Amino acid sequence: MSFRRDLAVALAMASLVMFGCRSSNHAATGDAATTSDAIAMPDAADDTTQVPNTVAWVLSYFGPEQDQRADSLHLAYSKDGLHWTALAQGFPTYFAPIGTGHIRDPFIFRKRDGSFVYVATDWTQSVNDANYWNHPSASIFVAESPDLIQWTNPHLLRVNDLPGPNNTVMHAWAPEVYWDSARAAYAIVWSGNDATGANHIYASYTSDFVNVTTFTPSVLFDPGYSVIDGTVVRTGTQAFLLFKDETDNSGSPLTGNGKDIQIARAPTNSIVPGSFTRWSPAYITRGADQTTRQATEGPFVIYDPTTARYYLYADYYLRGGVFGCWSTPDLDVDPGSWTKLDPSQYAMPPGVRHANTVRVTQAELDALVARDTAVHHIRSDYSEANLPFYISHSWFHGILAKLAEPTLTTGDNLWRLSPGLSAPSDPALVSLEAVGYPRYFLRWDSSNPSRYPPCGEASTYGWALCNVPATDRHHLTWLDPYTDTAAYRKDATFRVVPALNGVSGQVSFQSVSDPARYLRHVWYQLFAATIDGSTVQKNDASFVVE
């Protein structure tokens, strides 16, 4: 059985590289663990630019479409701060497992112990922009990670109990995190709207990201007109706040016609509420022509010591995921004097919305890239017109489909072969995680084996659902979000065995919950089915991992 052993080991080892070597039976929950790559922040450091031994920026962002996959955490990386490569092939790397799962404005910060905290605007009661206004949230989304791969402790953190307009709560938008050494606490900087509808930039403080010190936040910055999207940049002696003027031709003499990026400064590099003042009404993103609105928001800034320049990125919010970039050697200058880079000088993944960055080590970057490259297509033995069919998913159940199906989203046939959830230490076991839906695994539902979609469902090949004989409409495979139960882990775990059809280079996937069942397709639907020994059924249960 050397074929079975070698293939299973190869698949499992590839998965261990991309997930990080995990030994717990609860691996998919993202249990926090101390890694050898974790680095602690220097005690005096207030800024992640001071993290030692880092080599690259990791960009966190969400996408332009108003669906769960866009409204989730996406990652990219860059070593020069100008040319960015998407991780996970541009698919989300983490879904918020709360409510609708939607988030906006993700931000990642390295904590004092070297691990990471991820915060975001809470959109988990909503599914789109219009729906959000009926469900504004006074909380932010929080999760934690040792490595930007495994995420743990997802929860909502309420940051205020203040009233917003029209008898709603004050929303908490675009949270960012900074260490405040004077308070020995983390400052969470966010934007909220008061009862008049005007937005201000607030600061809340926490030591554990479970509770804030008070639900009455401090006003960090209020220039006398509505502002949002504050991001802080610290130098050795000063702190600067870049923000979006949220007014729309209503800013009064204090401002221009709004909706672009301005800057304020503080006399020290501490984040002291009320200490930031704007020294010029000019907009950085307008350059010399201050009369023409550029429609920018969501600023973030990086400093590149190799060029001794600051780079401001801002989201052109009317252009569906396009960023501009501006540069300066000194933050304390006329805001209109920043140099706008030509688009040929930088490159971001398509569809980036409201982004920010965190520095990582070479080992952390290598692990992210290794996980990114270990993805697979799983080709069946079936084809039509010389076009092979692959294990895919549509409407959250397993199907067989060609790679180019007009009704499938790119990536609906890409899988990570992770260590088997029921026994991660067994190299012959695997679980199939959908690349486009992180933490969603292919499984059959042992608690409800007769679970089946309605005939004529609009899924890909849904027309064939009821071509399956009525007596065989059970044990369909489903793409379900991870649930930390023994039943889920077993239902989503398969043993890799030599192909039932006996063809060298192919494999079959045997159910751990019921070893008499194998992944097998019937009328384009993917089941955990028994095998009657016929050649047809053996072929239909045999696959090539590509």
Protein backbone atom coordinates (compact mmCIF):
# COMPACT_ATOMS: atom_id res chain seq x y z
CA MET A 1 0.00 0.00 0.00
CA SER A 2 2.93 2.36 -0.60
CA PHE A 3 0.84 4.36 -3.12
CA ARG A 4 -1.81 5.13 -0.52
CA ARG A 5 0.73 6.02 2.13
CA ASP A 6 2.90 8.22 -0.09
CA LEU A 7 -0.01 10.16 -1.58
CA ALA A 8 -1.73 10.68 1.75
CA VAL A 9 1.48 11.84 3.37
CA ALA A 10 2.23 14.22 0.50
CA LEU A 11 -1.24 15.77 0.69
CA ALA A 12 -1.18 16.01 4.44
CA MET A 13 2.30 17.53 4.55
CA ALA A 14 1.33 20.17 2.00
CA SER A 15 -1.68 20.98 4.14
CA LEU A 16 0.38 21.17 7.30
CA VAL A 17 2.62 23.74 5.66
CA MET A 18 -0.26 25.95 4.63
CA PHE A 19 -2.22 25.68 7.89
CA GLY A 20 0.72 25.60 10.25
CA CYS A 21 1.49 22.32 12.04
CA ARG A 22 -1.47 21.76 14.32
CA SER A 23 -2.01 18.86 16.64
CA SER A 24 -5.26 19.79 18.38
CA ASN A 25 -8.45 18.02 17.39
CA HIS A 26 -9.98 21.49 17.37
CA ALA A 27 -7.56 22.87 14.79
CA ALA A 28 -10.13 24.55 12.57
CA THR A 29 -11.38 26.79 15.36
CA GLY A 30 -8.11 28.67 15.05
CA ASP A 31 -7.03 28.01 18.64
CA ALA A 32 -4.37 30.50 19.62
CA ALA A 33 -0.88 29.12 19.93
CA THR A 34 2.52 30.57 20.60
CA THR A 35 4.66 30.27 17.48
CA SER A 36 8.40 30.42 17.21
CA ASP A 37 7.97 33.31 14.79
CA ALA A 38 6.02 35.50 17.21
CA ILE A 39 7.91 38.61 18.28
CA ALA A 40 7.20 40.91 21.16
CA MET A 41 7.07 44.68 20.77
CA PRO A 42 9.80 46.70 22.52
CA ASP A 43 8.41 48.11 25.78
CA ALA A 44 8.86 51.71 24.68
CA ALA A 45 7.46 51.27 21.19
CA ASP A 46 4.24 53.06 20.33
CA ASP A 47 4.37 52.26 16.63
CA THR A 48 4.58 49.02 14.67
CA THR A 49 7.32 50.55 12.51
CA GLN A 50 9.56 49.70 15.46
CA VAL A 51 8.86 45.96 15.31
CA PRO A 52 12.25 44.27 14.80
CA ASN A 53 13.17 41.97 11.94
CA THR A 54 10.19 42.70 9.71
CA VAL A 55 10.55 42.52 5.94
CA ALA A 56 7.16 43.29 4.41
CA TRP A 57 3.80 44.96 4.82
CA VAL A 58 0.62 42.88 4.86
CA LEU A 59 -2.38 44.79 3.55
CA SER A 60 -5.83 44.13 5.03
CA TYR A 61 -8.86 45.18 3.00
CA PHE A 62 -12.41 44.35 1.93
CA GLY A 63 -13.94 44.24 -1.54
CA PRO A 64 -16.29 46.43 -3.60
CA GLU A 65 -19.23 44.03 -4.01
CA GLN A 66 -21.85 44.01 -1.28
CA ASP A 67 -21.81 40.30 -0.52
CA GLN A 68 -20.23 38.26 2.25
CA ARG A 69 -17.14 37.33 0.27
CA ALA A 70 -16.38 41.00 -0.42
CA ASP A 71 -17.34 42.11 3.09
CA SER A 72 -14.66 39.95 4.69
CA LEU A 73 -10.96 40.04 5.48
CA HIS A 74 -8.68 39.99 2.43
CA LEU A 75 -4.88 40.13 2.54
CA ALA A 76 -2.05 41.18 0.22
CA TYR A 77 1.64 41.85 0.77
CA SER A 78 4.46 44.07 -0.45
CA LYS A 79 8.18 44.38 0.28
CA ASP A 80 8.61 47.80 -1.32
CA GLY A 81 5.33 49.37 -0.23
CA LEU A 82 4.33 50.06 -3.82
CA HIS A 83 3.70 46.75 -5.56
CA TRP A 84 1.16 44.54 -3.80
CA THR A 85 0.38 40.85 -4.36
CA ALA A 86 -2.97 39.43 -3.27
CA LEU A 87 -2.92 36.43 -0.95
CA ALA A 88 -5.42 33.57 -1.28
CA GLN A 89 -5.71 34.54 -4.97
CA GLY A 90 -7.77 37.54 -3.92
CA PHE A 91 -10.37 35.48 -2.05
CA PRO A 92 -11.20 36.28 1.58
CA THR A 93 -8.92 34.76 4.19
CA TYR A 94 -11.40 34.89 7.07
CA PHE A 95 -15.17 35.19 7.50
CA ALA A 96 -16.66 36.77 10.61
CA PRO A 97 -18.71 33.88 12.11
CA ILE A 98 -21.32 36.23 13.59
CA GLY A 99 -24.71 37.28 12.22
CA THR A 100 -24.61 37.89 8.48
CA GLY A 101 -20.81 37.60 8.51
CA HIS A 102 -20.39 41.01 6.86
CA ILE A 103 -17.65 43.43 8.00
CA ARG A 104 -16.08 46.57 6.57
CA ASP A 105 -12.81 48.50 7.04
CA PRO A 106 -10.54 45.73 8.41
CA PHE A 107 -7.47 46.77 10.39
CA ILE A 108 -4.74 44.50 11.84
CA PHE A 109 -2.38 45.50 14.66
CA ARG A 110 0.49 43.63 16.28
CA LYS A 111 -0.10 43.46 20.02
CA ARG A 112 2.51 43.76 22.75
CA ASP A 113 3.04 39.97 22.89
CA GLY A 114 3.75 39.80 19.14
CA SER A 115 0.39 38.30 18.17
CA PHE A 116 -2.21 40.11 16.07
CA VAL A 117 -5.61 41.64 16.69
CA TYR A 118 -8.04 42.26 13.84
CA VAL A 119 -10.75 44.90 14.20
CA ALA A 120 -13.38 45.98 11.70
CA THR A 121 -16.61 47.91 11.29
CA ASP A 122 -19.45 45.69 12.46
CA TRP A 123 -21.79 45.01 9.53
CA THR A 124 -22.98 41.67 10.96
CA GLN A 125 -26.61 42.79 11.26
CA SER A 126 -26.68 43.90 7.62
CA VAL A 127 -26.22 42.63 4.08
CA ASN A 128 -25.74 45.86 2.11
CA ASP A 129 -25.40 49.61 2.45
CA ALA A 130 -29.13 50.39 2.42
CA ASN A 131 -29.83 47.69 4.99
CA TYR A 132 -27.12 48.99 7.33
CA TRP A 133 -28.90 52.25 8.09
CA ASN A 134 -31.66 50.28 9.79
CA HIS A 135 -29.06 48.36 11.83
CA PRO A 136 -26.15 50.66 12.78
CA SER A 137 -23.82 49.15 15.34
CA ALA A 138 -22.14 50.68 18.38
CA SER A 139 -19.74 47.73 18.40
CA ILE A 140 -16.70 46.71 16.39
CA PHE A 141 -15.75 43.21 15.26
CA VAL A 142 -12.66 41.70 16.90
CA ALA A 143 -10.65 38.51 16.34
CA GLU A 144 -7.11 37.46 17.27
CA SER A 145 -4.36 35.45 15.62
CA PRO A 146 -0.80 34.28 16.26
CA ASP A 147 0.09 34.24 12.57
CA LEU A 148 -2.62 35.90 10.36
CA ILE A 149 -3.71 32.37 9.36
CA GLN A 150 -5.48 30.91 12.37
CA TRP A 151 -8.09 33.20 13.94
CA THR A 152 -9.62 32.81 17.36
CA ASN A 153 -12.06 34.48 19.77
CA PRO A 154 -14.27 36.30 17.24
CA HIS A 155 -16.60 38.67 19.07
CA LEU A 156 -18.20 42.10 19.07
CA LEU A 157 -16.77 44.81 21.32
CA ARG A 158 -19.15 47.63 22.19
CA VAL A 159 -17.31 50.97 22.26
CA ASN A 160 -20.08 53.45 23.07
CA ASP A 161 -23.60 53.88 24.42
CA LEU A 162 -24.21 57.29 22.89
CA PRO A 163 -27.21 58.23 20.73
CA GLY A 164 -26.96 58.64 17.00
CA PRO A 165 -29.43 60.42 14.70
CA ASN A 166 -33.08 59.44 14.31
CA ASN A 167 -33.26 57.41 17.53
CA THR A 168 -30.50 55.04 16.47
CA VAL A 169 -27.26 54.22 18.25
CA MET A 170 -24.04 56.01 17.37
CA HIS A 171 -22.26 53.90 14.77
CA ALA A 172 -18.61 52.89 15.19
CA TRP A 173 -16.83 53.05 11.84
CA ALA A 174 -13.33 52.27 10.60
CA PRO A 175 -11.66 51.25 13.88
CA GLU A 176 -7.89 51.32 14.16
CA VAL A 177 -5.65 50.29 17.07
CA TYR A 178 -2.56 51.94 18.59
CA TRP A 179 -0.58 51.35 21.76
CA ASP A 180 -0.74 54.22 24.23
CA SER A 181 2.24 53.83 26.55
CA ALA A 182 1.14 56.71 28.78
CA ARG A 183 -2.09 54.85 29.58
CA ALA A 184 -0.54 51.38 29.25
CA ALA A 185 -3.54 50.49 27.12
CA TYR A 186 -4.58 50.07 23.50
CA ALA A 187 -6.29 53.08 21.94
CA ILE A 188 -9.09 52.18 19.53
CA VAL A 189 -9.64 55.10 17.16
CA TRP A 190 -13.00 55.13 15.35
CA SER A 191 -15.59 57.42 13.75
CA GLY A 192 -19.06 57.97 15.18
CA ASN A 193 -22.12 60.10 14.37
CA ASP A 194 -23.84 62.17 17.06
CA ALA A 195 -27.55 62.87 17.38
CA THR A 196 -27.30 65.64 14.74
CA GLY A 197 -25.72 63.24 12.24
CA ALA A 198 -22.29 64.91 12.38
CA ASN A 199 -19.32 62.53 12.58
CA HIS A 200 -16.35 62.93 14.91
CA ILE A 201 -13.27 60.81 15.56
CA TYR A 202 -13.28 59.11 18.95
CA ALA A 203 -10.85 57.11 21.08
CA SER A 204 -11.75 54.20 23.34
CA TYR A 205 -9.25 52.32 25.48
CA THR A 206 -8.86 48.65 26.29
CA SER A 207 -6.30 46.30 27.76
CA ASP A 208 -7.80 43.04 26.49
CA PHE A 209 -10.15 43.78 23.53
CA VAL A 210 -12.96 42.30 25.60
CA ASN A 211 -14.04 45.46 27.41
CA VAL A 212 -13.40 49.18 27.02
CA THR A 213 -12.72 51.41 30.02
CA THR A 214 -15.92 53.40 29.45
CA PHE A 215 -18.86 53.49 27.05
CA THR A 216 -18.49 57.28 26.92
CA PRO A 217 -15.52 57.60 24.54
CA SER A 218 -13.15 60.51 24.36
CA VAL A 219 -13.44 62.87 21.40
CA LEU A 220 -10.05 62.51 19.75
CA PHE A 221 -10.65 65.05 16.99
CA ASP A 222 -13.44 67.49 16.20
CA PRO A 223 -12.42 70.30 13.81
CA GLY A 224 -15.93 71.78 13.83
CA TYR A 225 -17.24 69.86 10.85
CA SER A 226 -18.01 66.22 10.07
CA VAL A 227 -14.95 63.93 9.74
CA ILE A 228 -14.41 60.16 9.52
CA ASP A 229 -11.70 57.57 8.73
CA GLY A 230 -8.97 58.76 11.07
CA THR A 231 -5.55 57.10 10.79
CA VAL A 232 -2.60 58.02 13.03
CA VAL A 233 1.05 58.25 11.96
CA ARG A 234 3.75 58.72 14.59
CA THR A 235 7.21 60.12 14.11
CA GLY A 236 9.85 60.35 16.80
CA THR A 237 8.40 63.51 18.31
CA GLN A 238 4.95 64.08 16.82
CA ALA A 239 1.73 62.34 15.89
CA PHE A 240 -0.27 63.14 12.76
CA LEU A 241 -3.91 62.35 12.05
CA LEU A 242 -5.06 61.93 8.45
CA PHE A 243 -8.83 61.90 7.96
CA LYS A 244 -11.66 62.33 5.49
CA ASP A 245 -13.59 65.61 5.42
CA GLU A 246 -17.10 64.12 5.34
CA THR A 247 -18.86 67.37 4.50
CA ASP A 248 -20.49 67.83 1.12
CA ASN A 249 -20.41 71.52 0.17
CA SER A 250 -21.56 72.21 3.73
CA GLY A 251 -18.30 72.63 5.59
CA SER A 252 -18.68 76.40 6.20
CA PRO A 253 -15.56 78.59 6.13
CA LEU A 254 -13.72 75.93 8.15
CA THR A 255 -13.22 73.70 5.12
CA GLY A 256 -13.58 73.38 1.35
CA ASN A 257 -16.28 71.37 -0.34
CA GLY A 258 -15.35 68.18 1.49
CA LYS A 259 -14.98 64.43 0.76
CA ASP A 260 -11.18 64.34 0.49
CA ILE A 261 -8.21 63.72 2.80
CA GLN A 262 -6.87 66.32 5.23
CA ILE A 263 -4.24 66.21 7.97
CA ALA A 264 -3.84 67.42 11.57
CA ARG A 265 -0.93 67.21 14.01
CA ALA A 266 -0.30 66.87 17.74
CA PRO A 267 2.64 68.37 19.68
CA THR A 268 3.80 64.94 20.91
CA ASN A 269 3.62 61.40 19.52
CA SER A 270 1.03 60.40 22.11
CA ILE A 271 -2.61 59.90 21.19
CA VAL A 272 -4.14 62.54 23.45
CA PRO A 273 -7.82 63.41 22.86
CA GLY A 274 -8.19 67.01 21.76
CA SER A 275 -4.50 67.48 20.99
CA PHE A 276 -4.72 67.32 17.19
CA THR A 277 -5.12 70.55 15.25
CA ARG A 278 -5.37 71.17 11.52
CA TRP A 279 -2.82 73.73 10.31
CA SER A 280 -4.18 74.04 6.77
CA PRO A 281 -7.58 73.53 5.10
CA ALA A 282 -5.84 72.05 2.04
CA TYR A 283 -6.51 68.49 0.94
CA ILE A 284 -3.54 66.17 0.40
CA THR A 285 -5.33 64.27 -2.34
CA ARG A 286 -6.02 67.38 -4.44
CA GLY A 287 -2.45 68.59 -4.85
CA ALA A 288 -2.02 72.00 -6.48
CA ASP A 289 -5.64 72.16 -7.74
CA GLN A 290 -7.54 72.49 -4.47
CA THR A 291 -10.85 73.25 -6.20
CA THR A 292 -11.39 69.84 -7.81
CA ARG A 293 -12.75 67.12 -5.57
CA GLN A 294 -11.01 63.75 -5.93
CA ALA A 295 -13.57 61.79 -3.83
CA THR A 296 -11.16 59.91 -1.56
CA GLU A 297 -11.56 58.15 1.77
CA GLY A 298 -10.02 55.41 3.92
CA PRO A 299 -6.46 56.79 4.08
CA PHE A 300 -3.50 54.75 5.27
CA VAL A 301 0.17 55.71 5.42
CA ILE A 302 3.39 53.72 5.34
CA TYR A 303 6.92 54.92 5.84
CA ASP A 304 9.67 53.40 3.72
CA PRO A 305 13.09 53.88 5.38
CA THR A 306 14.91 52.89 2.18
CA THR A 307 13.53 55.95 0.38
CA ALA A 308 12.93 58.04 3.52
CA ARG A 309 9.43 58.84 2.24
CA TYR A 310 5.88 58.54 3.49
CA TYR A 311 3.29 57.06 1.14
CA LEU A 312 -0.38 57.89 1.53
CA TYR A 313 -2.89 55.56 -0.09
CA ALA A 314 -6.53 56.64 -0.36
CA ASP A 315 -9.60 54.91 -1.77
CA TYR A 316 -11.35 56.62 -4.69
CA TYR A 317 -14.72 55.69 -3.25
CA LEU A 318 -16.72 56.30 -6.45
CA ARG A 319 -14.50 54.04 -8.57
CA GLY A 320 -15.23 50.62 -7.08
CA GLY A 321 -11.87 49.59 -5.63
CA VAL A 322 -9.25 51.94 -7.09
CA PHE A 323 -6.61 53.63 -4.92
CA GLY A 324 -4.46 56.68 -5.45
CA CYS A 325 -1.00 57.13 -3.94
CA TRP A 326 0.77 60.32 -2.79
CA SER A 327 4.25 60.75 -1.28
CA THR A 328 6.27 63.17 0.84
CA PRO A 329 9.56 63.09 2.75
CA ASP A 330 8.01 65.11 5.60
CA LEU A 331 4.51 65.04 7.08
CA ASP A 332 4.79 68.56 8.50
CA VAL A 333 4.44 70.35 5.15
CA ASP A 334 1.77 72.12 3.12
CA PRO A 335 -0.83 69.37 2.55
CA GLY A 336 -1.16 70.37 -1.08
CA SER A 337 2.54 69.79 -1.73
CA TRP A 338 2.50 65.98 -1.59
CA THR A 339 3.57 64.32 -4.86
CA LYS A 340 0.91 62.26 -6.59
CA LEU A 341 2.35 59.04 -8.02
CA ASP A 342 1.51 57.96 -11.53
CA PRO A 343 -0.49 54.69 -11.50
CA SER A 344 2.42 53.02 -13.31
CA GLN A 345 4.53 53.50 -10.17
CA TYR A 346 2.43 51.29 -7.88
CA ALA A 347 0.08 48.32 -8.21
CA MET A 348 -2.64 47.05 -5.90
CA PRO A 349 -4.90 44.01 -6.23
CA PRO A 350 -8.16 44.75 -8.04
CA GLY A 351 -11.13 45.75 -5.94
CA VAL A 352 -9.33 46.92 -2.79
CA ARG A 353 -11.53 48.97 -0.47
CA HIS A 354 -10.55 50.76 2.77
CA ALA A 355 -7.19 49.16 3.55
CA ASN A 356 -4.39 49.35 6.08
CA THR A 357 -1.12 47.56 6.80
CA VAL A 358 0.86 45.67 9.42
CA ARG A 359 4.54 44.68 9.29
CA VAL A 360 5.51 40.99 9.29
CA THR A 361 8.67 38.91 9.55
CA GLN A 362 10.08 36.76 6.77
CA ALA A 363 8.88 33.60 8.54
CA GLU A 364 5.35 35.01 8.88
CA LEU A 365 5.31 36.03 5.23
CA ASP A 366 6.65 32.64 4.12
CA ALA A 367 3.86 30.88 6.00
CA LEU A 368 1.21 33.08 4.39
CA VAL A 369 2.61 32.49 0.91
CA ALA A 370 2.99 28.73 1.50
CA ARG A 371 -0.65 28.48 2.52
CA ASP A 372 -1.58 30.51 -0.52
CA THR A 373 0.17 28.18 -2.97
CA ALA A 374 -1.17 24.90 -1.51
CA VAL A 375 -4.58 24.94 -3.22
CA HIS A 376 -5.97 22.29 -5.50
CA HIS A 377 -8.46 21.38 -8.17
CA ILE A 378 -9.94 17.90 -7.76
CA ARG A 379 -10.69 16.44 -11.18
CA SER A 380 -13.18 13.65 -11.65
CA ASP A 381 -12.99 10.81 -14.14
CA TYR A 382 -16.00 12.31 -15.96
CA SER A 383 -15.87 14.66 -18.97
CA GLU A 384 -18.11 16.06 -21.69
CA ALA A 385 -16.77 17.07 -25.12
CA ASN A 386 -13.26 16.43 -23.76
CA LEU A 387 -13.82 18.95 -20.94
CA PRO A 388 -13.21 17.40 -17.51
CA PHE A 389 -15.46 18.01 -14.52
CA TYR A 390 -14.21 18.96 -11.06
CA ILE A 391 -15.46 18.85 -7.49
CA SER A 392 -17.08 22.26 -6.99
CA HIS A 393 -19.76 23.91 -4.90
CA SER A 394 -22.85 25.92 -5.80
CA TRP A 395 -25.46 27.25 -3.42
CA PHE A 396 -23.44 25.69 -0.61
CA HIS A 397 -23.67 22.07 -1.67
CA GLY A 398 -21.24 19.85 -3.53
CA ILE A 399 -21.48 19.46 -7.29
CA LEU A 400 -19.43 18.37 -10.26
CA ALA A 401 -18.76 21.11 -12.82
CA LYS A 402 -16.37 22.27 -15.52
CA LEU A 403 -13.75 24.84 -14.56
CA ALA A 404 -15.39 27.47 -16.76
CA GLU A 405 -19.06 27.51 -15.79
CA PRO A 406 -20.88 30.80 -16.39
CA THR A 407 -22.95 30.35 -13.22
CA LEU A 408 -19.96 29.63 -10.96
CA THR A 409 -17.73 32.21 -9.34
CA THR A 410 -14.02 31.83 -9.97
CA GLY A 411 -12.66 29.75 -7.13
CA ASP A 412 -15.78 27.69 -6.48
CA ASN A 413 -13.72 24.66 -7.56
CA LEU A 414 -10.56 25.40 -5.56
CA TRP A 415 -9.85 23.54 -2.33
CA ARG A 416 -7.35 23.46 0.50
CA LEU A 417 -6.64 19.92 1.65
CA SER A 418 -6.21 20.48 5.36
CA PRO A 419 -5.33 17.83 7.95
CA GLY A 420 -8.45 15.82 8.72
CA LEU A 421 -10.53 17.71 11.25
CA SER A 422 -11.40 14.58 13.21
CA ALA A 423 -7.77 13.47 13.64
CA PRO A 424 -5.23 16.02 12.34
CA SER A 425 -2.26 13.83 13.27
CA ASP A 426 -3.35 11.02 10.91
CA PRO A 427 -1.58 11.71 7.59
CA ALA A 428 -4.12 9.69 5.61
CA LEU A 429 -7.03 11.97 6.56
CA VAL A 430 -7.96 15.24 4.87
CA SER A 431 -10.71 17.86 5.04
CA LEU A 432 -11.68 19.97 2.03
CA GLU A 433 -11.85 23.70 2.81
CA ALA A 434 -13.31 25.94 0.10
CA VAL A 435 -10.71 28.54 -0.93
CA GLY A 436 -13.43 31.09 -1.67
CA TYR A 437 -15.16 30.47 1.66
CA PRO A 438 -12.57 30.21 4.44
CA ARG A 439 -13.56 27.86 7.29
CA TYR A 440 -16.31 26.30 5.16
CA PHE A 441 -15.67 22.58 4.69
CA LEU A 442 -17.21 19.99 2.40
CA ARG A 443 -19.18 17.49 4.48
CA TRP A 444 -22.24 15.31 4.57
CA ASP A 445 -24.72 15.90 7.37
CA SER A 446 -24.92 12.77 9.54
CA SER A 447 -27.56 14.45 11.73
CA ASN A 448 -29.82 14.98 8.71
CA PRO A 449 -28.73 12.71 5.83
CA SER A 450 -31.96 13.38 3.92
CA ARG A 451 -31.19 17.11 3.71
CA TYR A 452 -31.65 17.98 0.03
CA PRO A 453 -32.29 21.13 -2.05
CA PRO A 454 -35.62 21.68 -3.82
CA CYS A 455 -35.95 20.44 -7.38
CA GLY A 456 -35.16 23.13 -9.93
CA GLU A 457 -33.01 25.16 -7.55
CA ALA A 458 -31.11 27.87 -9.45
CA SER A 459 -27.72 26.43 -8.49
CA THR A 460 -25.28 25.24 -11.16
CA TYR A 461 -26.74 21.99 -12.50
CA GLY A 462 -29.68 22.50 -10.17
CA TRP A 463 -31.92 21.33 -13.00
CA ALA A 464 -30.47 17.84 -12.46
CA LEU A 465 -31.16 17.63 -8.73
CA CYS A 466 -34.33 15.65 -9.23
CA ASN A 467 -32.94 13.53 -12.04
CA VAL A 468 -31.36 11.71 -9.14
CA PRO A 469 -33.69 8.84 -8.24
CA ALA A 470 -35.86 9.72 -5.25
CA THR A 471 -34.49 6.76 -3.33
CA ASP A 472 -30.95 8.16 -3.70
CA ARG A 473 -31.62 11.75 -2.60
CA HIS A 474 -29.75 11.51 0.65
CA HIS A 475 -26.19 11.93 1.92
CA LEU A 476 -25.61 14.94 -0.36
CA THR A 477 -22.44 16.87 0.47
CA TRP A 478 -22.74 20.41 1.79
CA LEU A 479 -20.44 23.39 2.19
CA ASP A 480 -21.08 24.35 5.80
CA PRO A 481 -19.28 26.80 8.11
CA TYR A 482 -17.09 25.12 10.66
CA THR A 483 -18.82 24.07 13.85
CA ASP A 484 -16.72 22.86 16.76
CA THR A 485 -18.46 19.53 17.30
CA ALA A 486 -17.22 15.97 16.99
CA ALA A 487 -20.00 15.19 14.48
CA TYR A 488 -19.05 18.07 12.18
CA ARG A 489 -15.37 17.16 12.29
CA LYS A 490 -16.06 13.53 11.39
CA ASP A 491 -18.57 14.41 8.65
CA ALA A 492 -15.97 16.75 7.07
CA THR A 493 -13.08 14.27 7.22
CA PHE A 494 -12.17 11.78 4.50
CA ARG A 495 -9.54 9.09 4.22
CA VAL A 496 -7.46 9.28 1.04
CA VAL A 497 -7.33 5.78 -0.45
CA PRO A 498 -6.20 4.33 -3.78
CA ALA A 499 -8.78 5.02 -6.48
CA LEU A 500 -11.65 2.54 -6.48
CA ASN A 501 -11.34 2.26 -10.25
CA GLY A 502 -7.74 1.08 -9.86
CA VAL A 503 -6.25 3.83 -12.02
CA SER A 504 -2.75 4.83 -10.94
CA GLY A 505 -2.48 8.51 -9.97
CA GLN A 506 -6.11 8.75 -8.92
CA VAL A 507 -7.57 8.58 -5.41
CA SER A 508 -10.90 8.09 -3.69
CA PHE A 509 -12.18 9.89 -0.59
CA GLN A 510 -13.65 7.57 2.03
CA SER A 511 -15.97 9.02 4.68
CA VAL A 512 -14.74 8.79 8.26
CA SER A 513 -18.29 9.06 9.62
CA ASP A 514 -19.36 6.05 7.56
CA PRO A 515 -16.48 4.13 5.93
CA ALA A 516 -18.92 2.41 3.56
CA ARG A 517 -19.42 5.77 1.82
CA TYR A 518 -17.17 7.61 -0.64
CA LEU A 519 -17.38 10.93 -2.45
CA ARG A 520 -19.24 10.03 -5.64
CA HIS A 521 -21.11 12.08 -8.23
CA VAL A 522 -24.61 11.33 -9.51
CA TRP A 523 -26.25 13.63 -12.05
CA TYR A 524 -23.66 16.34 -11.35
CA GLN A 525 -24.39 16.28 -7.61
CA LEU A 526 -21.74 15.16 -5.13
CA PHE A 527 -22.75 12.60 -2.51
CA ALA A 528 -21.19 10.55 0.24
CA ALA A 529 -22.51 7.38 -1.37
CA THR A 530 -22.11 3.66 -1.07
CA ILE A 531 -20.53 1.74 -3.96
CA ASP A 532 -22.21 -1.29 -5.49
CA GLY A 533 -18.99 -2.53 -7.10
CA SER A 534 -19.92 -1.55 -10.64
CA THR A 535 -17.34 0.01 -12.94
CA VAL A 536 -19.48 3.12 -13.37
CA GLN A 537 -19.76 3.79 -9.65
CA LYS A 538 -16.07 3.13 -9.09
CA ASN A 539 -15.19 5.63 -11.82
CA ASP A 540 -17.63 8.15 -10.37
CA ALA A 541 -15.83 7.90 -7.02
CA SER A 542 -12.29 8.34 -8.40
CA PHE A 543 -10.46 11.66 -8.68
CA VAL A 544 -7.16 13.33 -9.49
CA VAL A 545 -5.82 15.99 -7.11
CA GLU A 546 -4.21 18.71 -9.24
